[in-house]
Amino acid sequence: MIEINKKLAKLKLSGFVKSIESRNSYALENKLSYIEFLELLIEDELANRTSNSYRKRFVKSKLNEEKSIISYDFKYQPELDKRLVMDLASLRFIDEKKNIVLMGSPGVGKTHIANAIGLEALKKGYKVIMVESNELLDKLYASKGDGTYQSALNEYLLADLLIIDEIGFKKISNIDDFFEIIAKRYEKGSVIITTNRNFEEWGDVFGDNVLASAIIDRILHHCHVIRITGTSYRVKDLTLNKTL
């Protein structure tokens, strides 16, 4: 069995390696045919690869596993259309290359919903990246200095779903890089954006009304805009603590 495991390892069949001994015992006890035994091993290999793929994509995505659809308190935001959010979580918008903009005051749950949809996309096998807007642009700016710009840019362009968080908390300086990402993903890959600013204010955020308008135009052409009004969840937690 040791030699067999070595050969399976060389073939990168780690699922086989993990289960071959237990499957062999099961096959002998239940008098399975060779084909039935092989079928069990193949199922184990596929399950192992699916699990490994999810873990790798999850680590790369930078998503928060605790911020799921189930953990979002829709009752606290009664004006939010739960059916629409759940429909978006079915992920048709990704196949349709559409975007989502979640707009509202700080603390109303924009990031949570974006993260939750991202988790659903990971489960379906999509490549997802979630990044705060200024972090994204800082990384691209730094990559120009060490010659890795194209590689860094491709990371954001090749994701099936790119989630850009917190547009509006800080002014954005290198708007050209932001425009390039939005322009190159236009009708090719979905974007989810969270922002605490109305579109009319994006010119101030980006410091360029013309480019801001061009960015908004491309985002909104195929887009679901969700405005979340309500009280911050942080206030809710504070109120609850005081009550307790």
Protein backbone atom coordinates (compact mmCIF):
# COMPACT_ATOMS: atom_id res chain seq x y z
CA MET A 1 0.00 0.00 0.00
CA ILE A 2 2.94 2.36 0.70
CA GLU A 3 4.19 2.08 -2.87
CA ILE A 4 0.69 2.61 -4.25
CA ASN A 5 0.30 5.76 -2.12
CA LYS A 6 3.64 7.07 -3.38
CA LYS A 7 2.53 6.60 -6.98
CA LEU A 8 -0.85 8.21 -6.28
CA ALA A 9 0.93 11.15 -4.68
CA LYS A 10 3.09 11.58 -7.79
CA LEU A 11 -0.11 11.63 -9.84
CA LYS A 12 -1.48 14.27 -7.41
CA LEU A 13 -4.44 12.07 -6.49
CA SER A 14 -4.53 13.11 -2.83
CA GLY A 15 -8.20 12.14 -2.53
CA PHE A 16 -7.28 8.58 -3.45
CA VAL A 17 -4.43 8.57 -0.90
CA LYS A 18 -6.70 9.72 1.92
CA SER A 19 -9.37 7.09 1.37
CA ILE A 20 -7.89 4.12 -0.45
CA GLU A 21 -7.32 1.97 2.65
CA SER A 22 -10.78 2.52 4.11
CA ARG A 23 -12.39 2.13 0.68
CA ASN A 24 -10.45 -1.09 0.09
CA SER A 25 -11.71 -2.54 3.38
CA TYR A 26 -15.25 -1.45 2.53
CA ALA A 27 -15.02 -2.99 -0.93
CA LEU A 28 -13.79 -6.33 0.44
CA GLU A 29 -16.48 -6.46 3.13
CA ASN A 30 -19.26 -5.61 0.68
CA LYS A 31 -17.86 -7.60 -2.26
CA LEU A 32 -17.81 -4.62 -4.60
CA SER A 33 -16.71 -5.00 -8.20
CA TYR A 34 -13.52 -3.29 -9.42
CA ILE A 35 -15.64 -0.69 -11.19
CA GLU A 36 -17.66 0.05 -8.04
CA PHE A 37 -14.45 0.34 -6.00
CA LEU A 38 -12.95 2.70 -8.58
CA GLU A 39 -16.13 4.78 -8.64
CA LEU A 40 -15.91 5.33 -4.87
CA LEU A 41 -12.30 6.45 -5.16
CA ILE A 42 -13.14 8.86 -7.97
CA GLU A 43 -15.98 10.34 -5.89
CA ASP A 44 -13.54 10.84 -3.01
CA GLU A 45 -11.03 12.52 -5.31
CA LEU A 46 -13.64 14.90 -6.72
CA ALA A 47 -14.89 15.78 -3.23
CA ASN A 48 -11.33 16.42 -2.06
CA ARG A 49 -10.55 18.67 -5.01
CA THR A 50 -13.78 20.63 -4.56
CA SER A 51 -12.98 21.17 -0.89
CA ASN A 52 -9.40 22.24 -1.63
CA SER A 53 -10.60 24.59 -4.39
CA TYR A 54 -13.05 26.28 -2.04
CA ARG A 55 -10.44 26.76 0.69
CA LYS A 56 -7.94 28.27 -1.74
CA ARG A 57 -10.51 30.61 -3.24
CA PHE A 58 -11.80 31.58 0.21
CA VAL A 59 -8.34 32.57 1.46
CA LYS A 60 -7.68 34.60 -1.67
CA SER A 61 -11.09 36.28 -1.56
CA LYS A 62 -10.50 38.03 1.80
CA LEU A 63 -14.15 37.43 2.66
CA ASN A 64 -15.43 37.15 6.22
CA GLU A 65 -17.03 33.74 6.76
CA GLU A 66 -19.20 35.07 9.60
CA LYS A 67 -20.94 37.69 7.44
CA SER A 68 -23.36 35.39 5.64
CA ILE A 69 -26.90 35.79 4.33
CA ILE A 70 -28.19 33.80 7.29
CA SER A 71 -26.51 36.07 9.85
CA TYR A 72 -27.86 39.32 8.32
CA ASP A 73 -30.72 40.78 10.39
CA PHE A 74 -33.29 41.81 7.79
CA LYS A 75 -35.78 42.61 10.55
CA TYR A 76 -33.58 45.49 11.67
CA GLN A 77 -33.76 47.01 8.17
CA PRO A 78 -37.47 46.46 7.33
CA GLU A 79 -37.38 48.79 4.32
CA LEU A 80 -34.73 46.66 2.63
CA ASP A 81 -36.21 44.37 -0.03
CA LYS A 82 -35.23 40.95 1.29
CA ARG A 83 -36.58 39.17 -1.79
CA LEU A 84 -34.33 41.26 -4.04
CA VAL A 85 -31.27 40.52 -1.92
CA MET A 86 -32.04 36.81 -1.87
CA ASP A 87 -32.58 36.87 -5.63
CA LEU A 88 -29.19 38.51 -6.11
CA ALA A 89 -27.70 35.84 -3.85
CA SER A 90 -28.88 33.30 -6.44
CA LEU A 91 -26.03 34.80 -8.54
CA ARG A 92 -27.77 35.22 -11.89
CA PHE A 93 -26.28 38.70 -12.04
CA ILE A 94 -22.79 37.19 -12.32
CA ASP A 95 -23.68 35.14 -15.37
CA GLU A 96 -25.41 38.21 -16.83
CA LYS A 97 -22.28 40.34 -16.14
CA LYS A 98 -24.34 42.82 -14.13
CA ASN A 99 -23.23 44.93 -11.17
CA ILE A 100 -24.60 45.77 -7.73
CA VAL A 101 -24.26 49.06 -5.87
CA LEU A 102 -25.11 49.05 -2.17
CA MET A 103 -25.60 52.62 -1.00
CA GLY A 104 -26.30 53.96 2.48
CA SER A 105 -24.98 55.50 5.66
CA PRO A 106 -22.15 53.82 7.59
CA GLY A 107 -23.20 50.80 9.60
CA VAL A 108 -26.43 49.85 7.82
CA GLY A 109 -25.09 46.52 6.56
CA LYS A 110 -23.80 47.27 3.04
CA THR A 111 -20.52 45.43 3.54
CA HIS A 112 -22.28 42.50 5.22
CA ILE A 113 -24.61 41.99 2.25
CA ALA A 114 -21.76 42.33 -0.27
CA ASN A 115 -19.69 39.82 1.71
CA ALA A 116 -22.66 37.43 2.01
CA ILE A 117 -23.25 37.43 -1.75
CA GLY A 118 -19.53 36.85 -2.24
CA LEU A 119 -19.69 33.78 0.01
CA GLU A 120 -22.58 32.39 -2.02
CA ALA A 121 -20.52 32.91 -5.18
CA LEU A 122 -17.59 31.02 -3.66
CA LYS A 123 -19.85 28.08 -2.86
CA LYS A 124 -20.89 27.93 -6.52
CA GLY A 125 -17.28 27.80 -7.68
CA TYR A 126 -16.77 31.44 -8.69
CA LYS A 127 -13.54 33.32 -8.06
CA VAL A 128 -14.23 36.26 -5.75
CA ILE A 129 -12.08 39.10 -4.43
CA MET A 130 -13.23 41.61 -1.83
CA VAL A 131 -11.08 44.68 -1.24
CA GLU A 132 -11.45 48.12 0.30
CA SER A 133 -11.26 50.77 -2.42
CA ASN A 134 -8.18 52.61 -1.18
CA GLU A 135 -6.37 49.35 -0.44
CA LEU A 136 -6.99 48.26 -4.02
CA LEU A 137 -5.55 51.46 -5.43
CA ASP A 138 -2.62 51.53 -3.00
CA LYS A 139 -1.69 48.02 -4.09
CA LEU A 140 -1.82 48.95 -7.76
CA TYR A 141 0.23 52.09 -7.14
CA ALA A 142 2.89 50.13 -5.25
CA SER A 143 3.01 47.49 -7.99
CA LYS A 144 4.11 50.11 -10.51
CA GLY A 145 7.29 50.57 -8.52
CA ASP A 146 8.30 46.90 -8.42
CA GLY A 147 7.23 45.93 -11.94
CA THR A 148 4.26 43.78 -10.93
CA TYR A 149 1.51 46.15 -12.07
CA GLN A 150 0.05 43.92 -14.78
CA SER A 151 -0.01 40.93 -12.47
CA ALA A 152 -1.72 42.96 -9.73
CA LEU A 153 -4.21 44.39 -12.21
CA ASN A 154 -5.04 40.96 -13.61
CA GLU A 155 -5.88 39.72 -10.12
CA TYR A 156 -8.80 42.16 -10.07
CA LEU A 157 -9.73 41.75 -13.73
CA LEU A 158 -9.86 37.95 -13.80
CA ALA A 159 -12.08 37.46 -10.74
CA ASP A 160 -15.64 36.41 -11.59
CA LEU A 161 -16.86 38.82 -8.91
CA LEU A 162 -14.94 41.85 -7.66
CA ILE A 163 -16.28 43.49 -4.49
CA ILE A 164 -15.00 47.04 -3.93
CA ASP A 165 -15.84 48.19 -0.44
CA GLU A 166 -16.16 51.65 1.13
CA ILE A 167 -16.07 54.11 -1.73
CA GLY A 168 -16.46 57.54 -0.19
CA PHE A 169 -14.79 57.21 3.20
CA LYS A 170 -11.56 58.65 1.81
CA LYS A 171 -10.76 60.67 -1.28
CA ILE A 172 -9.33 58.61 -4.12
CA SER A 173 -6.18 59.98 -5.70
CA ASN A 174 -5.18 57.61 -8.51
CA ILE A 175 -8.53 57.59 -10.30
CA ASP A 176 -6.95 56.39 -13.57
CA ASP A 177 -6.33 52.92 -12.10
CA PHE A 178 -9.88 52.74 -10.78
CA PHE A 179 -11.26 53.72 -14.16
CA GLU A 180 -9.13 51.08 -15.89
CA ILE A 181 -10.53 48.32 -13.66
CA ILE A 182 -14.13 49.41 -14.19
CA ALA A 183 -13.64 49.96 -17.93
CA LYS A 184 -11.97 46.59 -18.52
CA ARG A 185 -14.54 44.70 -16.44
CA TYR A 186 -17.41 46.48 -18.20
CA GLU A 187 -19.77 43.80 -19.61
CA LYS A 188 -17.09 41.18 -18.88
CA GLY A 189 -17.22 40.69 -15.13
CA SER A 190 -19.50 41.67 -12.28
CA VAL A 191 -18.66 44.25 -9.63
CA ILE A 192 -20.30 44.89 -6.26
CA ILE A 193 -19.64 48.34 -4.83
CA THR A 194 -20.52 49.64 -1.38
CA THR A 195 -20.60 53.38 -0.84
CA ASN A 196 -21.83 55.93 1.67
CA ARG A 197 -21.98 58.65 -1.00
CA ASN A 198 -24.62 59.44 -3.60
CA PHE A 199 -23.45 59.33 -7.21
CA GLU A 200 -23.65 63.13 -7.37
CA GLU A 201 -20.82 63.25 -4.82
CA TRP A 202 -18.46 60.89 -6.61
CA GLY A 203 -16.83 63.75 -8.48
CA ASP A 204 -15.61 65.08 -5.12
CA VAL A 205 -14.52 61.62 -3.98
CA PHE A 206 -12.46 61.01 -7.13
CA GLY A 207 -11.42 64.61 -7.65
CA ASP A 208 -12.40 64.48 -11.33
CA ASN A 209 -15.99 65.00 -12.44
CA VAL A 210 -15.40 63.77 -16.00
CA LEU A 211 -13.78 60.45 -15.06
CA ALA A 212 -16.20 59.96 -12.17
CA SER A 213 -19.07 60.35 -14.63
CA ALA A 214 -17.46 57.83 -16.99
CA ILE A 215 -17.04 55.35 -14.12
CA ILE A 216 -20.64 55.76 -12.96
CA ASP A 217 -21.93 55.36 -16.52
CA ARG A 218 -20.20 52.00 -16.95
CA ILE A 219 -21.22 50.73 -13.53
CA LEU A 220 -24.87 51.70 -13.88
CA HIS A 221 -25.42 50.49 -17.44
CA HIS A 222 -26.21 46.97 -16.17
CA CYS A 223 -26.74 47.36 -12.46
CA HIS A 224 -28.94 46.78 -9.42
CA VAL A 225 -28.82 49.80 -7.09
CA ILE A 226 -29.91 49.11 -3.52
CA ARG A 227 -30.28 52.07 -1.17
CA ILE A 228 -30.30 51.00 2.47
CA THR A 229 -31.91 53.44 4.85
CA GLY A 230 -32.08 52.83 8.54
CA THR A 231 -30.14 52.88 11.77
CA SER A 232 -26.60 51.64 12.12
CA TYR A 233 -26.16 48.13 13.48
CA ARG A 234 -23.51 49.57 15.78
CA VAL A 235 -26.16 51.76 17.39
CA LYS A 236 -28.36 48.68 17.71
CA ASP A 237 -25.62 46.82 19.56
CA LEU A 238 -24.96 49.84 21.78
CA THR A 239 -28.65 50.15 22.64
CA LEU A 240 -28.86 46.43 23.37
CA ASN A 241 -25.85 46.59 25.70
CA LYS A 242 -27.38 49.50 27.59
CA THR A 243 -30.63 47.57 27.97
CA LEU A 244 -28.80 44.58 29.32
